[in-house]
Amino acid sequence: MDLAGYRARVRRLSGLRLESLLPTSDLDAALNEAYRELSGAQPWPQFRFVETVALAAGVGVGTLPVASREVLSVTLLGGDHARLAQTTVDELDRVDPDETGVPAVYALTTPTTVQVFPAPESAATLQVRGRRLPGVLAEDGDEPEFDEEFHPVLALVVAARLLGEEGDTSGRREAYMAEVGDMIGRMKGRYTESKDHGVFIMGGKRRRGADSRVG
């Protein structure tokens, strides 16, 4: 299912068919929010990455080619392939940025930026392993990075949230979330080793900015 299909499915499931009731920009934002949450809810293999980052001599900041949700390990390639210890951005703010040596610690300072300390004395290469954020669903033909049989989960989650915001008492919201739970269980069986198929709850935000949660 692509983005255009999601829009039509959510409008049908929620009953909010008119642009005046559910602007397309709000709908797209809700779908992408659900997609980001789903992509981070389990260690889905399609969102893992291994990338190399080049550092110039005396420069302790490198750029990742993907937007990282979290970094799991950073290794200094060459020699003994030393694995760096993780630290915090606050700790890096307290050190001398001009100090050079053999990098020993790292922190993810932005989704695409890794900083190490000390900065390398000579050009160096890092191997970074982690979990990345999904691409944004922006064009009509964009699809999520899951097998097609699992695509409906995003429409069900967003429709359930919208029904909750509207105060719907028809029972559709609960029915949709039951389908979500079943689909998440099958996704876990397909993509991960975990067989815990418990209820999946994703937090969300109301279209008007207030926090909301479905589940």
Protein backbone atom coordinates (compact mmCIF):
# COMPACT_ATOMS: atom_id res chain seq x y z
CA MET A 1 0.00 0.00 0.00
CA ASP A 2 1.41 3.38 -0.95
CA LEU A 3 0.77 6.78 0.61
CA ALA A 4 -2.14 7.52 -1.70
CA GLY A 5 -3.69 4.20 -0.73
CA TYR A 6 -3.16 4.94 2.96
CA ARG A 7 -4.98 8.22 2.70
CA ALA A 8 -8.00 6.56 1.10
CA ARG A 9 -7.96 3.65 3.59
CA VAL A 10 -7.75 5.86 6.67
CA ARG A 11 -10.54 8.12 5.43
CA ARG A 12 -12.73 5.08 4.81
CA LEU A 13 -11.93 3.41 8.16
CA SER A 14 -12.40 6.58 10.18
CA GLY A 15 -15.32 8.03 8.25
CA LEU A 16 -13.47 11.36 8.00
CA ARG A 17 -13.65 11.57 4.24
CA LEU A 18 -13.76 15.34 3.80
CA GLU A 19 -10.61 17.46 3.52
CA SER A 20 -12.24 19.98 5.86
CA LEU A 21 -12.54 17.31 8.55
CA LEU A 22 -9.11 15.75 8.00
CA PRO A 23 -6.62 17.84 5.98
CA THR A 24 -4.26 15.74 3.88
CA SER A 25 -1.22 17.36 5.52
CA ASP A 26 -2.47 16.27 8.96
CA LEU A 27 -3.22 12.80 7.69
CA ASP A 28 0.27 12.45 6.18
CA ALA A 29 1.83 13.64 9.43
CA ALA A 30 -0.19 11.10 11.43
CA LEU A 31 0.81 8.27 9.09
CA ASN A 32 4.49 9.17 9.30
CA GLU A 33 4.33 9.44 13.07
CA ALA A 34 2.83 5.97 13.29
CA TYR A 35 5.46 4.67 10.85
CA ARG A 36 8.31 6.10 12.93
CA GLU A 37 6.89 4.57 16.09
CA LEU A 38 6.32 1.19 14.48
CA SER A 39 9.82 1.13 13.00
CA GLY A 40 11.30 1.67 16.47
CA ALA A 41 9.00 -0.64 18.41
CA GLN A 42 11.00 -3.80 17.67
CA PRO A 43 14.52 -4.51 16.35
CA TRP A 44 13.18 -5.00 12.84
CA PRO A 45 16.12 -6.16 10.65
CA GLN A 46 15.30 -3.82 7.75
CA PHE A 47 16.16 -0.79 9.88
CA ARG A 48 19.57 -1.98 11.05
CA PHE A 49 22.61 -0.39 9.44
CA VAL A 50 26.38 -0.74 9.27
CA GLU A 51 28.10 2.33 7.86
CA THR A 52 31.62 3.72 7.74
CA VAL A 53 32.37 7.31 8.69
CA ALA A 54 35.60 9.04 7.66
CA LEU A 55 37.27 11.45 10.09
CA ALA A 56 39.93 13.92 9.04
CA ALA A 57 42.99 14.44 11.21
CA GLY A 58 42.12 16.57 14.21
CA VAL A 59 38.38 16.38 13.51
CA GLY A 60 36.23 14.45 15.97
CA VAL A 61 32.87 14.84 14.24
CA GLY A 62 31.66 12.64 11.39
CA THR A 63 28.46 12.44 9.36
CA LEU A 64 26.38 9.31 8.95
CA PRO A 65 24.79 8.67 5.54
CA VAL A 66 21.54 7.62 7.26
CA ALA A 67 19.38 9.17 9.98
CA SER A 68 20.07 7.08 13.06
CA ARG A 69 17.51 6.24 15.72
CA GLU A 70 20.26 4.87 17.93
CA VAL A 71 23.88 3.83 17.63
CA LEU A 72 24.66 0.37 18.99
CA SER A 73 28.42 0.37 18.53
CA VAL A 74 31.27 2.42 17.09
CA THR A 75 34.56 0.76 16.16
CA LEU A 76 37.80 2.47 15.17
CA LEU A 77 38.98 0.53 12.12
CA GLY A 78 42.60 -0.36 11.60
CA GLY A 79 45.04 -1.92 14.01
CA ASP A 80 43.12 -3.69 16.75
CA HIS A 81 39.70 -2.49 15.57
CA ALA A 82 39.14 -0.83 18.93
CA ARG A 83 35.53 -0.52 20.03
CA LEU A 84 34.74 2.88 21.50
CA ALA A 85 32.80 3.36 24.74
CA GLN A 86 29.55 5.30 24.62
CA THR A 87 29.30 8.60 26.46
CA THR A 88 26.85 11.49 26.54
CA VAL A 89 26.69 14.78 24.67
CA ASP A 90 26.93 16.58 28.02
CA GLU A 91 30.21 14.83 28.77
CA LEU A 92 31.62 15.74 25.36
CA ASP A 93 30.67 19.37 25.97
CA ARG A 94 33.03 19.37 28.95
CA VAL A 95 36.17 18.18 27.12
CA ASP A 96 38.70 20.10 25.07
CA PRO A 97 37.55 19.84 21.42
CA ASP A 98 41.11 20.49 20.21
CA GLU A 99 42.61 17.53 22.06
CA THR A 100 43.83 14.76 19.76
CA GLY A 101 44.85 11.17 20.31
CA VAL A 102 43.28 7.75 19.83
CA PRO A 103 39.48 8.08 19.94
CA ALA A 104 38.11 6.30 23.00
CA VAL A 105 34.49 7.43 23.43
CA TYR A 106 31.60 8.49 21.20
CA ALA A 107 28.14 10.03 21.32
CA LEU A 108 25.38 10.48 18.76
CA THR A 109 24.95 14.27 18.77
CA THR A 110 22.27 14.44 16.05
CA PRO A 111 20.55 11.65 14.09
CA THR A 112 23.25 12.00 11.41
CA THR A 113 26.28 13.11 13.47
CA VAL A 114 28.70 11.07 15.56
CA GLN A 115 31.30 12.76 17.74
CA VAL A 116 34.34 11.02 19.23
CA PHE A 117 36.90 12.03 21.82
CA PRO A 118 39.70 12.67 21.54
CA ALA A 119 39.78 13.65 17.88
CA PRO A 120 42.11 11.38 15.86
CA GLU A 121 45.69 12.56 15.34
CA SER A 122 45.55 11.32 11.75
CA ALA A 123 42.76 10.46 9.34
CA ALA A 124 40.65 7.61 10.68
CA THR A 125 37.62 5.54 9.77
CA LEU A 126 34.79 4.51 12.08
CA GLN A 127 32.45 1.58 11.62
CA VAL A 128 29.04 2.48 13.03
CA ARG A 129 26.29 -0.04 13.73
CA GLY A 130 22.82 0.99 14.72
CA ARG A 131 19.14 1.34 13.94
CA ARG A 132 18.00 3.99 11.51
CA LEU A 133 14.85 6.02 11.17
CA PRO A 134 12.56 5.13 8.28
CA GLY A 135 12.28 7.31 5.21
CA VAL A 136 9.43 9.79 5.17
CA LEU A 137 6.28 8.84 3.27
CA ALA A 138 5.99 11.98 1.15
CA GLU A 139 5.04 11.05 -2.41
CA ASP A 140 1.87 9.27 -3.48
CA GLY A 141 3.78 6.12 -4.43
CA ASP A 142 5.91 5.86 -1.26
CA GLU A 143 5.53 2.61 0.71
CA PRO A 144 6.73 1.49 4.17
CA GLU A 145 9.63 -0.94 4.44
CA PHE A 146 7.58 -3.92 5.52
CA ASP A 147 6.14 -6.79 3.50
CA GLU A 148 2.94 -5.72 1.79
CA GLU A 149 0.75 -8.00 3.89
CA PHE A 150 1.63 -5.87 6.92
CA HIS A 151 1.04 -2.49 5.31
CA PRO A 152 -2.53 -2.11 6.66
CA VAL A 153 -1.25 -1.80 10.24
CA LEU A 154 -0.45 1.90 9.78
CA ALA A 155 -3.92 2.69 8.45
CA LEU A 156 -5.55 0.79 11.31
CA VAL A 157 -3.49 2.59 13.97
CA VAL A 158 -4.14 6.05 12.53
CA ALA A 159 -7.85 5.38 12.02
CA ALA A 160 -8.14 4.13 15.61
CA ARG A 161 -6.46 7.27 16.92
CA LEU A 162 -8.75 9.49 14.91
CA LEU A 163 -11.82 7.66 16.16
CA GLY A 164 -10.58 8.06 19.72
CA GLU A 165 -10.13 11.78 19.20
CA GLU A 166 -13.64 12.05 17.81
CA GLY A 167 -15.13 10.21 20.79
CA ASP A 168 -16.44 7.36 18.66
CA THR A 169 -18.41 4.75 20.63
CA SER A 170 -19.15 2.35 17.79
CA GLY A 171 -16.48 -0.17 18.84
CA ARG A 172 -14.52 0.30 15.61
CA ARG A 173 -11.52 1.69 17.47
CA GLU A 174 -11.25 -1.43 19.63
CA ALA A 175 -11.77 -3.68 16.62
CA TYR A 176 -9.02 -1.92 14.68
CA MET A 177 -6.57 -2.19 17.57
CA ALA A 178 -7.34 -5.90 17.91
CA GLU A 179 -6.35 -6.26 14.26
CA VAL A 180 -3.20 -4.25 14.98
CA GLY A 181 -2.25 -6.58 17.82
CA ASP A 182 -2.70 -9.63 15.63
CA MET A 183 -0.70 -8.11 12.79
CA ILE A 184 2.16 -7.05 15.08
CA GLY A 185 2.32 -10.59 16.40
CA ARG A 186 2.69 -11.92 12.87
CA MET A 187 5.32 -9.29 12.11
CA LYS A 188 7.34 -10.40 15.12
CA GLY A 189 7.13 -13.97 13.95
CA ARG A 190 8.29 -12.95 10.46
CA TYR A 191 11.05 -10.50 11.32
CA THR A 192 12.35 -11.23 14.81
CA GLU A 193 13.12 -14.19 17.03
CA SER A 194 10.79 -12.92 19.77
CA LYS A 195 7.56 -14.89 20.10
CA ASP A 196 6.03 -12.49 22.64
CA HIS A 197 2.95 -11.33 20.76
CA GLY A 198 1.61 -9.02 23.46
CA VAL A 199 -0.58 -6.03 22.77
CA PHE A 200 1.24 -3.36 20.82
CA ILE A 201 0.58 0.21 21.96
CA MET A 202 1.83 3.25 20.10
CA GLY A 203 1.62 6.74 21.47
CA GLY A 204 0.43 9.52 19.22
CA LYS A 205 -0.46 13.18 19.10
CA ARG A 206 -3.83 14.69 18.45
CA ARG A 207 -4.26 16.66 15.26
CA ARG A 208 -4.72 19.72 17.44
CA GLY A 209 -1.47 19.15 19.31
CA ALA A 210 -2.62 17.41 22.49
CA ASP A 211 -1.16 14.02 23.44
CA SER A 212 -3.22 10.93 22.72
CA ARG A 213 -2.69 7.19 23.00
CA VAL A 214 -4.37 4.25 21.37
CA GLY A 215 -4.48 0.90 23.06
